[in-house]
mmCIF file of all heavy atoms, coordinates in Angstrom:
data_MODEL
# 
_entry.id   MODEL 
# 
loop_
_atom_site.group_PDB 
_atom_site.id 
_atom_site.type_symbol 
_atom_site.label_atom_id 
_atom_site.label_alt_id 
_atom_site.label_comp_id 
_atom_site.label_asym_id 
_atom_site.label_entity_id 
_atom_site.label_seq_id 
_atom_site.pdbx_PDB_ins_code 
_atom_site.Cartn_x 
_atom_site.Cartn_y 
_atom_site.Cartn_z 
_atom_site.occupancy 
_atom_site.B_iso_or_equiv 
_atom_site.pdbx_formal_charge 
_atom_site.auth_seq_id 
_atom_site.auth_comp_id 
_atom_site.auth_asym_id 
_atom_site.auth_atom_id 
_atom_site.pdbx_PDB_model_num 
ATOM 1   N N   . VAL A 1 1  ? 34.915 20.087 -46.278 1.00 0.00 ? 1  VAL A N   1 
ATOM 2   C CA  . VAL A 1 1  ? 34.753 21.481 -45.904 1.00 0.00 ? 1  VAL A CA  1 
ATOM 3   C C   . VAL A 1 1  ? 33.387 21.995 -46.331 1.00 0.00 ? 1  VAL A C   1 
ATOM 4   O O   . VAL A 1 1  ? 32.830 21.629 -47.363 1.00 0.00 ? 1  VAL A O   1 
ATOM 5   C CB  . VAL A 1 1  ? 35.889 22.338 -46.588 1.00 0.00 ? 1  VAL A CB  1 
ATOM 6   C CG1 . VAL A 1 1  ? 35.801 22.357 -48.089 1.00 0.00 ? 1  VAL A CG1 1 
ATOM 7   C CG2 . VAL A 1 1  ? 35.881 23.775 -46.034 1.00 0.00 ? 1  VAL A CG2 1 
ATOM 8   N N   . ARG A 1 2  ? 32.833 22.837 -45.470 1.00 0.00 ? 2  ARG A N   1 
ATOM 9   C CA  . ARG A 1 2  ? 31.573 23.455 -45.715 1.00 0.00 ? 2  ARG A CA  1 
ATOM 10  C C   . ARG A 1 2  ? 31.790 24.957 -45.904 1.00 0.00 ? 2  ARG A C   1 
ATOM 11  O O   . ARG A 1 2  ? 32.318 25.600 -44.916 1.00 0.00 ? 2  ARG A O   1 
ATOM 12  C CB  . ARG A 1 2  ? 30.623 23.233 -44.558 1.00 0.00 ? 2  ARG A CB  1 
ATOM 13  C CG  . ARG A 1 2  ? 29.300 23.998 -44.638 1.00 0.00 ? 2  ARG A CG  1 
ATOM 14  C CD  . ARG A 1 2  ? 28.483 23.796 -43.400 1.00 0.00 ? 2  ARG A CD  1 
ATOM 15  N NE  . ARG A 1 2  ? 27.275 24.663 -43.416 1.00 0.00 ? 2  ARG A NE  1 
ATOM 16  C CZ  . ARG A 1 2  ? 26.053 24.257 -43.793 1.00 0.00 ? 2  ARG A CZ  1 
ATOM 17  N NH1 . ARG A 1 2  ? 25.886 22.985 -44.186 1.00 0.00 ? 2  ARG A NH1 1 
ATOM 18  N NH2 . ARG A 1 2  ? 25.067 25.081 -43.762 1.00 0.00 ? 2  ARG A NH2 1 
ATOM 19  N N   . TYR A 1 3  ? 31.441 25.503 -47.005 1.00 0.00 ? 3  TYR A N   1 
ATOM 20  C CA  . TYR A 1 3  ? 31.583 26.948 -47.217 1.00 0.00 ? 3  TYR A CA  1 
ATOM 21  C C   . TYR A 1 3  ? 30.324 27.718 -47.150 1.00 0.00 ? 3  TYR A C   1 
ATOM 22  O O   . TYR A 1 3  ? 30.295 28.949 -47.148 1.00 0.00 ? 3  TYR A O   1 
ATOM 23  C CB  . TYR A 1 3  ? 32.215 27.192 -48.631 1.00 0.00 ? 3  TYR A CB  1 
ATOM 24  C CG  . TYR A 1 3  ? 33.671 26.875 -48.713 1.00 0.00 ? 3  TYR A CG  1 
ATOM 25  C CD1 . TYR A 1 3  ? 34.326 26.709 -49.916 1.00 0.00 ? 3  TYR A CD1 1 
ATOM 26  C CD2 . TYR A 1 3  ? 34.458 26.775 -47.527 1.00 0.00 ? 3  TYR A CD2 1 
ATOM 27  C CE1 . TYR A 1 3  ? 35.647 26.427 -49.975 1.00 0.00 ? 3  TYR A CE1 1 
ATOM 28  C CE2 . TYR A 1 3  ? 35.774 26.484 -47.596 1.00 0.00 ? 3  TYR A CE2 1 
ATOM 29  C CZ  . TYR A 1 3  ? 36.385 26.307 -48.820 1.00 0.00 ? 3  TYR A CZ  1 
ATOM 30  O OH  . TYR A 1 3  ? 37.710 25.996 -48.904 1.00 0.00 ? 3  TYR A OH  1 
ATOM 31  N N   . ARG A 1 4  ? 29.223 26.999 -47.016 1.00 0.00 ? 4  ARG A N   1 
ATOM 32  C CA  . ARG A 1 4  ? 27.918 27.663 -46.770 1.00 0.00 ? 4  ARG A CA  1 
ATOM 33  C C   . ARG A 1 4  ? 27.870 28.281 -45.414 1.00 0.00 ? 4  ARG A C   1 
ATOM 34  O O   . ARG A 1 4  ? 28.645 27.873 -44.525 1.00 0.00 ? 4  ARG A O   1 
ATOM 35  C CB  . ARG A 1 4  ? 26.808 26.661 -46.971 1.00 0.00 ? 4  ARG A CB  1 
ATOM 36  C CG  . ARG A 1 4  ? 26.510 26.277 -48.396 1.00 0.00 ? 4  ARG A CG  1 
ATOM 37  C CD  . ARG A 1 4  ? 25.610 25.085 -48.514 1.00 0.00 ? 4  ARG A CD  1 
ATOM 38  N NE  . ARG A 1 4  ? 26.326 23.863 -48.412 1.00 0.00 ? 4  ARG A NE  1 
ATOM 39  C CZ  . ARG A 1 4  ? 25.799 22.660 -48.226 1.00 0.00 ? 4  ARG A CZ  1 
ATOM 40  N NH1 . ARG A 1 4  ? 24.514 22.584 -48.020 1.00 0.00 ? 4  ARG A NH1 1 
ATOM 41  N NH2 . ARG A 1 4  ? 26.549 21.603 -48.194 1.00 0.00 ? 4  ARG A NH2 1 
ATOM 42  N N   . PRO A 1 5  ? 26.944 29.220 -45.147 1.00 0.00 ? 5  PRO A N   1 
ATOM 43  C CA  . PRO A 1 5  ? 26.805 29.766 -43.847 1.00 0.00 ? 5  PRO A CA  1 
ATOM 44  C C   . PRO A 1 5  ? 26.618 28.674 -42.811 1.00 0.00 ? 5  PRO A C   1 
ATOM 45  O O   . PRO A 1 5  ? 25.961 27.656 -43.101 1.00 0.00 ? 5  PRO A O   1 
ATOM 46  C CB  . PRO A 1 5  ? 25.627 30.706 -43.928 1.00 0.00 ? 5  PRO A CB  1 
ATOM 47  C CG  . PRO A 1 5  ? 25.580 31.089 -45.387 1.00 0.00 ? 5  PRO A CG  1 
ATOM 48  C CD  . PRO A 1 5  ? 26.036 29.859 -46.107 1.00 0.00 ? 5  PRO A CD  1 
ATOM 49  N N   . TYR A 1 6  ? 27.122 28.907 -41.621 1.00 0.00 ? 6  TYR A N   1 
ATOM 50  C CA  . TYR A 1 6  ? 26.932 27.913 -40.611 1.00 0.00 ? 6  TYR A CA  1 
ATOM 51  C C   . TYR A 1 6  ? 26.640 28.612 -39.241 1.00 0.00 ? 6  TYR A C   1 
ATOM 52  O O   . TYR A 1 6  ? 26.875 29.789 -39.108 1.00 0.00 ? 6  TYR A O   1 
ATOM 53  C CB  . TYR A 1 6  ? 28.181 27.021 -40.469 1.00 0.00 ? 6  TYR A CB  1 
ATOM 54  C CG  . TYR A 1 6  ? 29.428 27.764 -40.004 1.00 0.00 ? 6  TYR A CG  1 
ATOM 55  C CD1 . TYR A 1 6  ? 29.781 27.801 -38.662 1.00 0.00 ? 6  TYR A CD1 1 
ATOM 56  C CD2 . TYR A 1 6  ? 30.260 28.384 -40.927 1.00 0.00 ? 6  TYR A CD2 1 
ATOM 57  C CE1 . TYR A 1 6  ? 30.898 28.465 -38.254 1.00 0.00 ? 6  TYR A CE1 1 
ATOM 58  C CE2 . TYR A 1 6  ? 31.381 29.053 -40.509 1.00 0.00 ? 6  TYR A CE2 1 
ATOM 59  C CZ  . TYR A 1 6  ? 31.699 29.079 -39.205 1.00 0.00 ? 6  TYR A CZ  1 
ATOM 60  O OH  . TYR A 1 6  ? 32.855 29.753 -38.755 1.00 0.00 ? 6  TYR A OH  1 
ATOM 61  N N   . SER A 1 7  ? 26.188 27.764 -38.364 1.00 0.00 ? 7  SER A N   1 
ATOM 62  C CA  . SER A 1 7  ? 25.876 28.280 -36.984 1.00 0.00 ? 7  SER A CA  1 
ATOM 63  C C   . SER A 1 7  ? 26.561 27.360 -35.993 1.00 0.00 ? 7  SER A C   1 
ATOM 64  O O   . SER A 1 7  ? 27.270 26.449 -36.341 1.00 0.00 ? 7  SER A O   1 
ATOM 65  C CB  . SER A 1 7  ? 24.364 28.340 -36.736 1.00 0.00 ? 7  SER A CB  1 
ATOM 66  O OG  . SER A 1 7  ? 23.813 27.051 -36.910 1.00 0.00 ? 7  SER A OG  1 
ATOM 67  N N   . SER A 1 8  ? 26.301 27.626 -34.748 1.00 0.00 ? 8  SER A N   1 
ATOM 68  C CA  . SER A 1 8  ? 26.928 26.784 -33.696 1.00 0.00 ? 8  SER A CA  1 
ATOM 69  C C   . SER A 1 8  ? 26.168 25.496 -33.525 1.00 0.00 ? 8  SER A C   1 
ATOM 70  O O   . SER A 1 8  ? 25.465 25.295 -32.570 1.00 0.00 ? 8  SER A O   1 
ATOM 71  C CB  . SER A 1 8  ? 27.003 27.605 -32.409 1.00 0.00 ? 8  SER A CB  1 
ATOM 72  O OG  . SER A 1 8  ? 27.805 28.745 -32.504 1.00 0.00 ? 8  SER A OG  1 
ATOM 73  N N   . THR A 1 9  ? 26.372 24.641 -34.476 1.00 0.00 ? 9  THR A N   1 
ATOM 74  C CA  . THR A 1 9  ? 25.729 23.337 -34.428 1.00 0.00 ? 9  THR A CA  1 
ATOM 75  C C   . THR A 1 9  ? 26.619 22.375 -35.208 1.00 0.00 ? 9  THR A C   1 
ATOM 76  O O   . THR A 1 9  ? 27.555 22.768 -35.885 1.00 0.00 ? 9  THR A O   1 
ATOM 77  C CB  . THR A 1 9  ? 24.302 23.401 -35.053 1.00 0.00 ? 9  THR A CB  1 
ATOM 78  O OG1 . THR A 1 9  ? 23.689 22.130 -34.869 1.00 0.00 ? 9  THR A OG1 1 
ATOM 79  C CG2 . THR A 1 9  ? 24.417 23.666 -36.570 1.00 0.00 ? 9  THR A CG2 1 
ATOM 80  N N   . SER A 1 10 ? 26.365 21.081 -35.036 1.00 0.00 ? 10 SER A N   1 
ATOM 81  C CA  . SER A 1 10 ? 27.213 20.099 -35.744 1.00 0.00 ? 10 SER A CA  1 
ATOM 82  C C   . SER A 1 10 ? 26.486 19.723 -37.047 1.00 0.00 ? 10 SER A C   1 
ATOM 83  O O   . SER A 1 10 ? 25.234 19.706 -37.144 1.00 0.00 ? 10 SER A O   1 
ATOM 84  C CB  . SER A 1 10 ? 27.409 18.875 -34.939 1.00 0.00 ? 10 SER A CB  1 
ATOM 85  O OG  . SER A 1 10 ? 26.173 18.192 -34.648 1.00 0.00 ? 10 SER A OG  1 
ATOM 86  N N   . TYR A 1 11 ? 27.267 19.520 -38.036 1.00 0.00 ? 11 TYR A N   1 
ATOM 87  C CA  . TYR A 1 11 ? 26.781 19.170 -39.395 1.00 0.00 ? 11 TYR A CA  1 
ATOM 88  C C   . TYR A 1 11 ? 27.275 17.707 -39.655 1.00 0.00 ? 11 TYR A C   1 
ATOM 89  O O   . TYR A 1 11 ? 28.435 17.448 -39.839 1.00 0.00 ? 11 TYR A O   1 
ATOM 90  C CB  . TYR A 1 11 ? 27.322 20.086 -40.454 1.00 0.00 ? 11 TYR A CB  1 
ATOM 91  C CG  . TYR A 1 11 ? 26.817 21.498 -40.256 1.00 0.00 ? 11 TYR A CG  1 
ATOM 92  C CD1 . TYR A 1 11 ? 27.570 22.428 -39.508 1.00 0.00 ? 11 TYR A CD1 1 
ATOM 93  C CD2 . TYR A 1 11 ? 25.577 21.868 -40.774 1.00 0.00 ? 11 TYR A CD2 1 
ATOM 94  C CE1 . TYR A 1 11 ? 27.078 23.726 -39.331 1.00 0.00 ? 11 TYR A CE1 1 
ATOM 95  C CE2 . TYR A 1 11 ? 25.113 23.185 -40.609 1.00 0.00 ? 11 TYR A CE2 1 
ATOM 96  C CZ  . TYR A 1 11 ? 25.840 24.036 -39.824 1.00 0.00 ? 11 TYR A CZ  1 
ATOM 97  O OH  . TYR A 1 11 ? 25.373 25.324 -39.686 1.00 0.00 ? 11 TYR A OH  1 
ATOM 98  N N   . ARG A 1 12 ? 26.368 16.744 -39.578 1.00 0.00 ? 12 ARG A N   1 
ATOM 99  C CA  . ARG A 1 12 ? 26.731 15.364 -39.566 1.00 0.00 ? 12 ARG A CA  1 
ATOM 100 C C   . ARG A 1 12 ? 26.404 14.610 -40.822 1.00 0.00 ? 12 ARG A C   1 
ATOM 101 O O   . ARG A 1 12 ? 26.666 13.412 -40.930 1.00 0.00 ? 12 ARG A O   1 
ATOM 102 C CB  . ARG A 1 12 ? 26.153 14.678 -38.321 1.00 0.00 ? 12 ARG A CB  1 
ATOM 103 C CG  . ARG A 1 12 ? 26.643 15.318 -37.025 1.00 0.00 ? 12 ARG A CG  1 
ATOM 104 C CD  . ARG A 1 12 ? 26.099 14.658 -35.799 1.00 0.00 ? 12 ARG A CD  1 
ATOM 105 N NE  . ARG A 1 12 ? 26.627 15.345 -34.649 1.00 0.00 ? 12 ARG A NE  1 
ATOM 106 C CZ  . ARG A 1 12 ? 27.309 14.774 -33.675 1.00 0.00 ? 12 ARG A CZ  1 
ATOM 107 N NH1 . ARG A 1 12 ? 27.528 13.475 -33.678 1.00 0.00 ? 12 ARG A NH1 1 
ATOM 108 N NH2 . ARG A 1 12 ? 27.728 15.468 -32.654 1.00 0.00 ? 12 ARG A NH2 1 
ATOM 109 N N   . GLY A 1 13 ? 25.803 15.301 -41.761 1.00 0.00 ? 13 GLY A N   1 
ATOM 110 C CA  . GLY A 1 13 ? 25.430 14.630 -43.011 1.00 0.00 ? 13 GLY A CA  1 
ATOM 111 C C   . GLY A 1 13 ? 26.400 14.999 -44.138 1.00 0.00 ? 13 GLY A C   1 
ATOM 112 O O   . GLY A 1 13 ? 26.941 16.094 -44.158 1.00 0.00 ? 13 GLY A O   1 
ATOM 113 N N   . GLY A 1 14 ? 26.641 14.037 -45.020 1.00 0.00 ? 14 GLY A N   1 
ATOM 114 C CA  . GLY A 1 14 ? 27.539 14.315 -46.117 1.00 0.00 ? 14 GLY A CA  1 
ATOM 115 C C   . GLY A 1 14 ? 27.060 15.497 -46.943 1.00 0.00 ? 14 GLY A C   1 
ATOM 116 O O   . GLY A 1 14 ? 27.911 16.274 -47.497 1.00 0.00 ? 14 GLY A O   1 
ATOM 117 N N   . GLY A 1 15 ? 25.751 15.705 -47.084 1.00 0.00 ? 15 GLY A N   1 
ATOM 118 C CA  . GLY A 1 15 ? 25.256 16.765 -47.852 1.00 0.00 ? 15 GLY A CA  1 
ATOM 119 C C   . GLY A 1 15 ? 25.448 18.170 -47.284 1.00 0.00 ? 15 GLY A C   1 
ATOM 120 O O   . GLY A 1 15 ? 25.234 19.184 -47.893 1.00 0.00 ? 15 GLY A O   1 
ATOM 121 N N   . ASP A 1 16 ? 25.905 18.147 -45.957 1.00 0.00 ? 16 ASP A N   1 
ATOM 122 C CA  . ASP A 1 16 ? 26.166 19.413 -45.317 1.00 0.00 ? 16 ASP A CA  1 
ATOM 123 C C   . ASP A 1 16 ? 27.544 20.044 -45.758 1.00 0.00 ? 16 ASP A C   1 
ATOM 124 O O   . ASP A 1 16 ? 27.787 21.189 -45.352 1.00 0.00 ? 16 ASP A O   1 
ATOM 125 C CB  . ASP A 1 16 ? 26.136 19.220 -43.801 1.00 0.00 ? 16 ASP A CB  1 
ATOM 126 C CG  . ASP A 1 16 ? 24.760 18.867 -43.254 1.00 0.00 ? 16 ASP A CG  1 
ATOM 127 O OD1 . ASP A 1 16 ? 23.790 19.434 -43.828 1.00 0.00 ? 16 ASP A OD1 1 
ATOM 128 O OD2 . ASP A 1 16 ? 24.697 18.111 -42.320 1.00 0.00 ? 16 ASP A OD2 1 
ATOM 129 N N   . PHE A 1 17 ? 28.302 19.281 -46.420 1.00 0.00 ? 17 PHE A N   1 
ATOM 130 C CA  . PHE A 1 17 ? 29.646 19.687 -46.776 1.00 0.00 ? 17 PHE A CA  1 
ATOM 131 C C   . PHE A 1 17 ? 29.747 19.854 -48.288 1.00 0.00 ? 17 PHE A C   1 
ATOM 132 O O   . PHE A 1 17 ? 29.028 19.179 -49.040 1.00 0.00 ? 17 PHE A O   1 
ATOM 133 C CB  . PHE A 1 17 ? 30.712 18.790 -46.226 1.00 0.00 ? 17 PHE A CB  1 
ATOM 134 C CG  . PHE A 1 17 ? 30.820 18.847 -44.752 1.00 0.00 ? 17 PHE A CG  1 
ATOM 135 C CD1 . PHE A 1 17 ? 29.914 18.198 -43.923 1.00 0.00 ? 17 PHE A CD1 1 
ATOM 136 C CD2 . PHE A 1 17 ? 31.837 19.579 -44.190 1.00 0.00 ? 17 PHE A CD2 1 
ATOM 137 C CE1 . PHE A 1 17 ? 30.015 18.300 -42.535 1.00 0.00 ? 17 PHE A CE1 1 
ATOM 138 C CE2 . PHE A 1 17 ? 31.956 19.674 -42.792 1.00 0.00 ? 17 PHE A CE2 1 
ATOM 139 C CZ  . PHE A 1 17 ? 31.042 19.054 -41.962 1.00 0.00 ? 17 PHE A CZ  1 
ATOM 140 N N   . ASP A 1 18 ? 30.685 20.721 -48.713 1.00 0.00 ? 18 ASP A N   1 
ATOM 141 C CA  . ASP A 1 18 ? 30.708 21.106 -50.115 1.00 0.00 ? 18 ASP A CA  1 
ATOM 142 C C   . ASP A 1 18 ? 31.854 20.494 -50.930 1.00 0.00 ? 18 ASP A C   1 
ATOM 143 O O   . ASP A 1 18 ? 31.728 20.209 -52.092 1.00 0.00 ? 18 ASP A O   1 
ATOM 144 C CB  . ASP A 1 18 ? 30.865 22.649 -50.245 1.00 0.00 ? 18 ASP A CB  1 
ATOM 145 C CG  . ASP A 1 18 ? 29.667 23.310 -49.594 1.00 0.00 ? 18 ASP A CG  1 
ATOM 146 O OD1 . ASP A 1 18 ? 28.540 23.048 -49.955 1.00 0.00 ? 18 ASP A OD1 1 
ATOM 147 O OD2 . ASP A 1 18 ? 29.942 24.205 -48.667 1.00 0.00 ? 18 ASP A OD2 1 
ATOM 148 N N   . TYR A 1 19 ? 33.006 20.238 -50.264 1.00 0.00 ? 19 TYR A N   1 
ATOM 149 C CA  . TYR A 1 19 ? 34.136 19.671 -50.924 1.00 0.00 ? 19 TYR A CA  1 
ATOM 150 C C   . TYR A 1 19 ? 34.715 18.535 -50.086 1.00 0.00 ? 19 TYR A C   1 
ATOM 151 O O   . TYR A 1 19 ? 34.688 18.617 -48.843 1.00 0.00 ? 19 TYR A O   1 
ATOM 152 C CB  . TYR A 1 19 ? 35.241 20.706 -51.182 1.00 0.00 ? 19 TYR A CB  1 
ATOM 153 C CG  . TYR A 1 19 ? 34.816 21.769 -52.157 1.00 0.00 ? 19 TYR A CG  1 
ATOM 154 C CD1 . TYR A 1 19 ? 34.340 23.019 -51.662 1.00 0.00 ? 19 TYR A CD1 1 
ATOM 155 C CD2 . TYR A 1 19 ? 34.907 21.612 -53.561 1.00 0.00 ? 19 TYR A CD2 1 
ATOM 156 C CE1 . TYR A 1 19 ? 33.943 24.014 -52.574 1.00 0.00 ? 19 TYR A CE1 1 
ATOM 157 C CE2 . TYR A 1 19 ? 34.542 22.608 -54.394 1.00 0.00 ? 19 TYR A CE2 1 
ATOM 158 C CZ  . TYR A 1 19 ? 34.058 23.801 -53.916 1.00 0.00 ? 19 TYR A CZ  1 
ATOM 159 O OH  . TYR A 1 19 ? 33.641 24.798 -54.770 1.00 0.00 ? 19 TYR A OH  1 
ATOM 160 N N   . TRP A 1 20 ? 35.268 17.547 -50.758 1.00 0.00 ? 20 TRP A N   1 
ATOM 161 C CA  . TRP A 1 20 ? 35.802 16.317 -50.083 1.00 0.00 ? 20 TRP A CA  1 
ATOM 162 C C   . TRP A 1 20 ? 37.199 16.042 -50.562 1.00 0.00 ? 20 TRP A C   1 
ATOM 163 O O   . TRP A 1 20 ? 37.548 16.277 -51.714 1.00 0.00 ? 20 TRP A O   1 
ATOM 164 C CB  . TRP A 1 20 ? 34.860 15.138 -50.333 1.00 0.00 ? 20 TRP A CB  1 
ATOM 165 C CG  . TRP A 1 20 ? 33.532 15.333 -49.786 1.00 0.00 ? 20 TRP A CG  1 
ATOM 166 C CD1 . TRP A 1 20 ? 32.486 16.003 -50.283 1.00 0.00 ? 20 TRP A CD1 1 
ATOM 167 C CD2 . TRP A 1 20 ? 33.054 14.744 -48.542 1.00 0.00 ? 20 TRP A CD2 1 
ATOM 168 N NE1 . TRP A 1 20 ? 31.413 15.912 -49.477 1.00 0.00 ? 20 TRP A NE1 1 
ATOM 169 C CE2 . TRP A 1 20 ? 31.709 15.188 -48.419 1.00 0.00 ? 20 TRP A CE2 1 
ATOM 170 C CE3 . TRP A 1 20 ? 33.665 13.945 -47.571 1.00 0.00 ? 20 TRP A CE3 1 
ATOM 171 C CZ2 . TRP A 1 20 ? 30.941 14.799 -47.292 1.00 0.00 ? 20 TRP A CZ2 1 
ATOM 172 C CZ3 . TRP A 1 20 ? 32.870 13.589 -46.466 1.00 0.00 ? 20 TRP A CZ3 1 
ATOM 173 C CH2 . TRP A 1 20 ? 31.543 14.006 -46.352 1.00 0.00 ? 20 TRP A CH2 1 
ATOM 174 N N   . GLY A 1 21 ? 37.975 15.479 -49.619 1.00 0.00 ? 21 GLY A N   1 
ATOM 175 C CA  . GLY A 1 21 ? 39.281 14.959 -50.023 1.00 0.00 ? 21 GLY A CA  1 
ATOM 176 C C   . GLY A 1 21 ? 39.145 13.569 -50.584 1.00 0.00 ? 21 GLY A C   1 
ATOM 177 O O   . GLY A 1 21 ? 38.083 12.984 -50.680 1.00 0.00 ? 21 GLY A O   1 
ATOM 178 N N   . GLN A 1 22 ? 40.296 13.036 -50.981 1.00 0.00 ? 22 GLN A N   1 
ATOM 179 C CA  . GLN A 1 22 ? 40.314 11.708 -51.650 1.00 0.00 ? 22 GLN A CA  1 
ATOM 180 C C   . GLN A 1 22 ? 40.284 10.523 -50.668 1.00 0.00 ? 22 GLN A C   1 
ATOM 181 O O   . GLN A 1 22 ? 40.043 9.411  -51.048 1.00 0.00 ? 22 GLN A O   1 
ATOM 182 C CB  . GLN A 1 22 ? 41.550 11.609 -52.550 1.00 0.00 ? 22 GLN A CB  1 
ATOM 183 C CG  . GLN A 1 22 ? 42.819 11.192 -51.842 1.00 0.00 ? 22 GLN A CG  1 
ATOM 184 C CD  . GLN A 1 22 ? 43.425 12.321 -50.988 1.00 0.00 ? 22 GLN A CD  1 
ATOM 185 O OE1 . GLN A 1 22 ? 42.964 13.468 -51.030 1.00 0.00 ? 22 GLN A OE1 1 
ATOM 186 N NE2 . GLN A 1 22 ? 44.499 11.982 -50.241 1.00 0.00 ? 22 GLN A NE2 1 
ATOM 187 N N   . GLY A 1 23 ? 40.525 10.872 -49.380 1.00 0.00 ? 23 GLY A N   1 
ATOM 188 C CA  . GLY A 1 23 ? 40.468 9.817  -48.370 1.00 0.00 ? 23 GLY A CA  1 
ATOM 189 C C   . GLY A 1 23 ? 41.833 9.236  -48.065 1.00 0.00 ? 23 GLY A C   1 
ATOM 190 O O   . GLY A 1 23 ? 42.758 9.186  -48.913 1.00 0.00 ? 23 GLY A O   1 
ATOM 191 N N   . THR A 1 24 ? 42.008 8.771  -46.815 1.00 0.00 ? 24 THR A N   1 
ATOM 192 C CA  . THR A 1 24 ? 43.243 8.087  -46.424 1.00 0.00 ? 24 THR A CA  1 
ATOM 193 C C   . THR A 1 24 ? 42.867 6.899  -45.606 1.00 0.00 ? 24 THR A C   1 
ATOM 194 O O   . THR A 1 24 ? 41.988 6.945  -44.738 1.00 0.00 ? 24 THR A O   1 
ATOM 195 C CB  . THR A 1 24 ? 44.130 9.062  -45.607 1.00 0.00 ? 24 THR A CB  1 
ATOM 196 O OG1 . THR A 1 24 ? 45.404 8.446  -45.328 1.00 0.00 ? 24 THR A OG1 1 
ATOM 197 C CG2 . THR A 1 24 ? 43.532 9.571  -44.336 1.00 0.00 ? 24 THR A CG2 1 
ATOM 198 N N   . GLN A 1 25 ? 43.507 5.790  -45.890 1.00 0.00 ? 25 GLN A N   1 
ATOM 199 C CA  . GLN A 1 25 ? 43.141 4.520  -45.226 1.00 0.00 ? 25 GLN A CA  1 
ATOM 200 C C   . GLN A 1 25 ? 43.779 4.445  -43.868 1.00 0.00 ? 25 GLN A C   1 
ATOM 201 O O   . GLN A 1 25 ? 44.974 4.647  -43.696 1.00 0.00 ? 25 GLN A O   1 
ATOM 202 C CB  . GLN A 1 25 ? 43.592 3.313  -46.120 1.00 0.00 ? 25 GLN A CB  1 
ATOM 203 C CG  . GLN A 1 25 ? 43.328 1.990  -45.512 1.00 0.00 ? 25 GLN A CG  1 
ATOM 204 C CD  . GLN A 1 25 ? 41.891 1.599  -45.427 1.00 0.00 ? 25 GLN A CD  1 
ATOM 205 O OE1 . GLN A 1 25 ? 41.155 1.741  -46.419 1.00 0.00 ? 25 GLN A OE1 1 
ATOM 206 N NE2 . GLN A 1 25 ? 41.447 1.075  -44.285 1.00 0.00 ? 25 GLN A NE2 1 
# 
């Protein structure tokens, strides 16, 4: 999830997002 301001564009880098889940295989 990204909580920073965003615009109508795609965010494709890991650094563009703020929180992560634990993952599912």
